[in-house]
Amino acid sequence: MGNQHWLGINIPLSTFLSGVFTIVVTNMFFVFENKYLGDPNCTRQNQDKTFLIQYHIICWSFKITLFLSIITILISCLLLYSIFAKIYQGMVLYVIWIIFYEAVNTLLQTLTNNPENKSPKEVKFLRWFGLISRISIHGFCICFVTKYAHIMYKKQMQSVITSYNLSLSLPMWTQSERDHSTHICQSSYPPQIHRK
């Protein structure tokens, strides 16, 4: 099946731990960020059109984060199932989603950590530290998930090629065996006696 270790670390186990880590850290992140997301004055009308998109993103940041967190947990569960079932597509989907998830969270963090935010500097620093730490660990995990997906892809392609070659050679083998058996049968019968 190929080498199951990379950089001295077990690849399937690391992929499994990546899924577990994502589930746990997504829950922790959402609980911690809950009070810092959104805008309490979302009902007021913002007349400045240059900041209208930014205002709406900040206003909806709690709902955006909730939606992203639910999808992330579901995709992490799909990753755990993909490891069990050895399906590389679930691993590829996890990698793509985590990149998108972290990009959106970085955008939300930038917009909600603006100077108008009245949170203490320590809280702002802690939010940035948590985000950067999580992105770094996810980047490390993605390497192992990608490596394991590549191993599973090669294994599935080899099995497909083997089954394809087997299906091509089976009818030819059967036909040649049929010709050989027909020849043996014909030579084993005594010649017919013709009466005059």
Protein backbone atom coordinates (compact mmCIF):
# COMPACT_ATOMS: atom_id res chain seq x y z
CA MET A 1 0.00 0.00 0.00
CA GLY A 2 2.94 2.30 0.31
CA ASN A 3 4.80 3.87 3.18
CA GLN A 4 2.47 4.63 6.10
CA HIS A 5 4.96 6.96 7.79
CA TRP A 6 6.06 10.44 6.75
CA LEU A 7 8.68 12.41 8.68
CA GLY A 8 8.59 9.58 11.22
CA ILE A 9 4.88 10.12 11.96
CA ASN A 10 2.08 7.65 11.24
CA ILE A 11 0.05 9.17 8.38
CA PRO A 12 -3.38 7.54 9.01
CA LEU A 13 -3.20 8.37 12.73
CA SER A 14 -2.17 11.96 12.00
CA THR A 15 -5.05 12.32 9.54
CA PHE A 16 -7.47 11.00 12.14
CA LEU A 17 -6.10 13.40 14.77
CA SER A 18 -6.49 16.26 12.27
CA GLY A 19 -10.22 15.59 12.08
CA VAL A 20 -10.56 15.34 15.86
CA PHE A 21 -8.51 18.52 16.32
CA THR A 22 -10.71 20.43 13.88
CA ILE A 23 -13.91 19.37 15.64
CA VAL A 24 -12.59 20.34 19.09
CA VAL A 25 -10.97 23.63 18.06
CA THR A 26 -14.00 24.72 16.02
CA ASN A 27 -16.23 24.33 19.07
CA MET A 28 -13.73 26.17 21.28
CA PHE A 29 -13.30 28.96 18.74
CA PHE A 30 -17.03 29.50 18.38
CA VAL A 31 -17.60 29.60 22.15
CA PHE A 32 -14.75 32.08 22.66
CA GLU A 33 -15.56 34.30 19.67
CA ASN A 34 -19.29 34.33 20.35
CA LYS A 35 -19.27 37.56 22.39
CA TYR A 36 -16.93 39.44 20.02
CA LEU A 37 -18.82 38.78 16.80
CA GLY A 38 -21.65 40.82 15.37
CA ASP A 39 -22.62 44.41 16.04
CA PRO A 40 -25.13 45.32 18.76
CA ASN A 41 -26.29 48.25 16.59
CA CYS A 42 -27.17 46.14 13.54
CA THR A 43 -30.57 47.82 13.24
CA ARG A 44 -29.14 51.27 12.56
CA GLN A 45 -28.83 52.42 8.98
CA ASN A 46 -25.34 53.06 7.71
CA GLN A 47 -25.39 55.94 5.27
CA ASP A 48 -21.74 55.65 4.17
CA LYS A 49 -21.85 53.43 1.08
CA THR A 50 -18.10 52.87 0.99
CA PHE A 51 -18.27 50.87 4.21
CA LEU A 52 -21.66 49.28 3.50
CA ILE A 53 -20.26 45.81 2.62
CA GLN A 54 -17.88 45.86 5.59
CA TYR A 55 -20.75 46.92 7.86
CA HIS A 56 -22.98 44.07 6.67
CA ILE A 57 -20.19 41.50 7.08
CA ILE A 58 -19.57 42.70 10.65
CA CYS A 59 -23.30 42.72 11.34
CA TRP A 60 -23.72 39.14 10.09
CA SER A 61 -20.39 37.83 11.41
CA PHE A 62 -22.00 35.78 14.18
CA LYS A 63 -24.34 33.98 11.78
CA ILE A 64 -21.55 33.51 9.23
CA THR A 65 -19.29 31.98 11.89
CA LEU A 66 -22.09 29.73 13.16
CA PHE A 67 -22.80 28.47 9.64
CA LEU A 68 -19.10 27.91 8.88
CA SER A 69 -18.59 26.10 12.19
CA ILE A 70 -21.46 23.68 11.55
CA ILE A 71 -20.20 22.92 8.04
CA THR A 72 -16.64 22.48 9.35
CA ILE A 73 -17.74 19.97 11.98
CA LEU A 74 -19.74 18.00 9.38
CA ILE A 75 -16.79 17.95 6.96
CA SER A 76 -14.47 16.86 9.79
CA CYS A 77 -16.85 13.97 10.52
CA LEU A 78 -16.74 13.16 6.80
CA LEU A 79 -12.93 13.10 7.05
CA LEU A 80 -13.11 10.61 9.93
CA TYR A 81 -15.45 8.41 7.89
CA SER A 82 -13.20 8.74 4.82
CA ILE A 83 -10.25 7.47 6.85
CA PHE A 84 -12.29 4.46 7.97
CA ALA A 85 -13.67 3.78 4.47
CA LYS A 86 -10.39 4.73 2.71
CA ILE A 87 -12.09 7.30 0.42
CA TYR A 88 -9.68 9.95 -0.80
CA GLN A 89 -12.41 12.34 -2.02
CA GLY A 90 -13.48 13.12 1.56
CA MET A 91 -9.89 14.00 2.46
CA VAL A 92 -9.55 16.32 -0.54
CA LEU A 93 -12.84 18.02 0.37
CA TYR A 94 -11.55 18.53 3.93
CA VAL A 95 -8.35 20.20 2.69
CA ILE A 96 -10.24 22.56 0.35
CA TRP A 97 -12.80 23.44 3.01
CA ILE A 98 -10.21 24.15 5.75
CA ILE A 99 -8.38 26.58 3.45
CA PHE A 100 -11.67 28.36 2.68
CA TYR A 101 -12.73 28.29 6.36
CA GLU A 102 -9.49 29.83 7.60
CA ALA A 103 -9.53 32.49 4.86
CA VAL A 104 -13.06 33.59 5.82
CA ASN A 105 -12.18 33.57 9.53
CA THR A 106 -9.13 35.74 8.86
CA LEU A 107 -11.35 38.22 6.99
CA LEU A 108 -13.89 38.25 9.84
CA GLN A 109 -11.13 38.67 12.42
CA THR A 110 -9.71 41.62 10.51
CA LEU A 111 -13.08 43.33 10.23
CA THR A 112 -14.26 42.67 13.80
CA ASN A 113 -10.91 43.56 15.39
CA ASN A 114 -10.98 47.08 13.96
CA PRO A 115 -10.13 50.21 16.01
CA GLU A 116 -13.84 50.90 16.63
CA ASN A 117 -14.01 47.67 18.64
CA LYS A 118 -13.94 48.59 22.32
CA SER A 119 -12.42 45.28 23.45
CA PRO A 120 -9.25 45.46 25.58
CA LYS A 121 -5.92 45.10 23.78
CA GLU A 122 -5.26 41.83 25.60
CA VAL A 123 -8.45 40.32 24.16
CA LYS A 124 -7.53 41.48 20.66
CA PHE A 125 -4.07 39.99 21.03
CA LEU A 126 -5.53 36.72 22.34
CA ARG A 127 -7.96 36.51 19.41
CA TRP A 128 -5.14 37.02 16.89
CA PHE A 129 -2.89 34.56 18.71
CA GLY A 130 -5.65 31.92 18.69
CA LEU A 131 -6.33 32.42 15.00
CA ILE A 132 -2.66 32.28 13.97
CA SER A 133 -2.03 29.21 16.13
CA ARG A 134 -5.03 27.40 14.67
CA ILE A 135 -4.03 28.28 11.09
CA SER A 136 -0.49 27.02 11.73
CA ILE A 137 -1.68 23.70 13.16
CA HIS A 138 -4.22 23.29 10.38
CA GLY A 139 -1.46 23.90 7.84
CA PHE A 140 0.62 21.17 9.48
CA CYS A 141 -2.37 18.81 9.52
CA ILE A 142 -3.22 19.49 5.88
CA CYS A 143 0.19 18.13 4.88
CA PHE A 144 -0.64 14.74 6.41
CA VAL A 145 -4.21 14.67 5.11
CA THR A 146 -2.94 15.45 1.60
CA LYS A 147 -0.27 12.76 1.84
CA TYR A 148 -2.78 10.16 3.01
CA ALA A 149 -5.26 11.19 0.28
CA HIS A 150 -2.46 10.73 -2.26
CA ILE A 151 -1.70 7.23 -0.91
CA MET A 152 -5.40 6.29 -1.07
CA TYR A 153 -5.70 7.72 -4.58
CA LYS A 154 -2.73 5.68 -5.83
CA LYS A 155 -4.10 2.55 -4.18
CA GLN A 156 -7.54 3.02 -5.74
CA MET A 157 -6.06 3.74 -9.17
CA GLN A 158 -3.92 0.58 -8.96
CA SER A 159 -6.97 -1.50 -8.05
CA VAL A 160 -8.96 0.05 -10.92
CA ILE A 161 -6.15 -0.66 -13.40
CA THR A 162 -5.79 -4.22 -12.09
CA SER A 163 -9.52 -4.92 -12.35
CA TYR A 164 -9.61 -3.34 -15.82
CA ASN A 165 -6.71 -5.50 -17.01
CA LEU A 166 -8.34 -8.54 -15.48
CA SER A 167 -11.64 -7.82 -17.25
CA LEU A 168 -9.78 -7.44 -20.57
CA SER A 169 -7.75 -10.62 -20.17
CA LEU A 170 -10.61 -12.79 -18.86
CA PRO A 171 -12.67 -13.03 -22.09
CA MET A 172 -9.52 -13.71 -24.14
CA TRP A 173 -8.46 -16.43 -21.74
CA THR A 174 -11.90 -17.98 -21.82
CA GLN A 175 -11.99 -17.89 -25.64
CA SER A 176 -8.55 -19.47 -25.95
CA GLU A 177 -9.49 -22.10 -23.40
CA ARG A 178 -12.69 -22.77 -25.34
CA ASP A 179 -10.72 -23.23 -28.58
CA HIS A 180 -8.24 -25.51 -26.84
CA SER A 181 -10.98 -27.62 -25.24
CA THR A 182 -12.83 -27.89 -28.56
CA HIS A 183 -9.65 -29.10 -30.26
CA ILE A 184 -9.08 -31.69 -27.52
CA CYS A 185 -12.66 -32.90 -27.73
CA GLN A 186 -12.51 -33.27 -31.48
CA SER A 187 -9.24 -35.21 -31.36
CA SER A 188 -10.42 -37.52 -28.58
CA TYR A 189 -13.50 -38.84 -30.46
CA PRO A 190 -12.96 -41.81 -32.76
CA PRO A 191 -13.37 -41.05 -36.41
CA GLN A 192 -16.82 -41.66 -37.75
CA ILE A 193 -17.33 -44.81 -39.75
CA HIS A 194 -19.16 -44.26 -42.94
CA ARG A 195 -21.12 -47.13 -44.32
CA LYS A 196 -21.10 -47.73 -47.97
